[in-house]
Amino acid sequence: MAMKFAKILDGNLGGFGLEYDNTLGKKNTMRLDALTYEAAISEARSFLGIDANDHDPEGVVWHVE
């Protein structure tokens, strides 16, 4: 079973970033528009299409930390 990882990063000036695996085995990064860690996790899960069972639409299991 395939597994991918996403990591919430502390951004500059109090924001958050996201580092996540792409389909080529590389890392992508982006800035999140969230003010709290919990909101950052929620935004990351929504962006990546992760459901309540930690799967994306292709059935890949994600671990978000």
Protein backbone atom coordinates (compact mmCIF):
# COMPACT_ATOMS: atom_id res chain seq x y z
CA MET A 1 0.00 0.00 0.00
CA ALA A 2 1.38 3.42 -0.95
CA MET A 3 1.88 6.02 1.75
CA LYS A 4 2.67 9.71 1.43
CA PHE A 5 3.70 12.27 4.02
CA ALA A 6 2.80 15.90 4.59
CA LYS A 7 4.44 18.11 7.17
CA ILE A 8 3.13 21.37 8.62
CA LEU A 9 5.96 23.90 8.79
CA ASP A 10 6.21 26.97 11.01
CA GLY A 11 6.33 29.82 8.55
CA ASN A 12 7.83 33.26 8.92
CA LEU A 13 5.74 35.96 10.58
CA GLY A 14 3.50 33.49 12.40
CA GLY A 15 2.07 31.66 9.40
CA PHE A 16 2.31 28.03 8.40
CA GLY A 17 3.60 26.16 5.39
CA LEU A 18 3.05 22.69 3.98
CA GLU A 19 5.66 20.30 2.64
CA TYR A 20 4.18 17.26 0.90
CA ASP A 21 5.12 14.36 -1.37
CA ASN A 22 4.20 14.69 -5.01
CA THR A 23 3.55 11.87 -7.47
CA LEU A 24 7.22 11.83 -8.58
CA GLY A 25 8.67 11.18 -5.13
CA LYS A 26 9.78 14.78 -4.69
CA LYS A 27 8.68 17.38 -2.13
CA ASN A 28 6.44 20.36 -2.87
CA THR A 29 5.96 23.30 -0.53
CA MET A 30 3.25 25.91 -0.23
CA ARG A 31 2.08 28.57 2.19
CA LEU A 32 -1.11 27.88 4.13
CA ASP A 33 -3.65 30.57 4.95
CA ALA A 34 -4.15 29.43 8.56
CA LEU A 35 -3.61 31.13 11.90
CA THR A 36 -3.47 28.02 14.12
CA TYR A 37 -1.81 24.63 13.81
CA GLU A 38 -5.20 22.90 13.83
CA ALA A 39 -6.45 25.14 11.01
CA ALA A 40 -3.23 24.44 9.07
CA ILE A 41 -3.81 20.68 9.35
CA SER A 42 -7.42 21.09 8.21
CA GLU A 43 -6.39 23.25 5.24
CA ALA A 44 -3.63 20.80 4.26
CA ARG A 45 -6.01 17.82 4.40
CA SER A 46 -8.56 19.71 2.30
CA PHE A 47 -5.96 20.78 -0.28
CA LEU A 48 -4.63 17.24 -0.62
CA GLY A 49 -8.12 15.70 -0.73
CA ILE A 50 -7.54 13.56 2.37
CA ASP A 51 -10.69 12.03 3.85
CA ALA A 52 -11.49 11.06 7.46
CA ASN A 53 -9.76 7.69 6.91
CA ASP A 54 -6.52 9.39 5.78
CA HIS A 55 -6.95 8.40 2.11
CA ASP A 56 -6.82 10.68 -0.93
CA PRO A 57 -9.08 10.19 -3.99
CA GLU A 58 -6.57 7.70 -5.49
CA GLY A 59 -6.65 5.57 -2.31
CA VAL A 60 -3.17 6.58 -1.12
CA VAL A 61 -2.77 6.73 2.66
CA TRP A 62 -1.43 10.05 4.01
CA HIS A 63 0.29 10.89 7.27
CA VAL A 64 0.01 14.60 8.15
CA GLU A 65 2.13 15.88 11.01
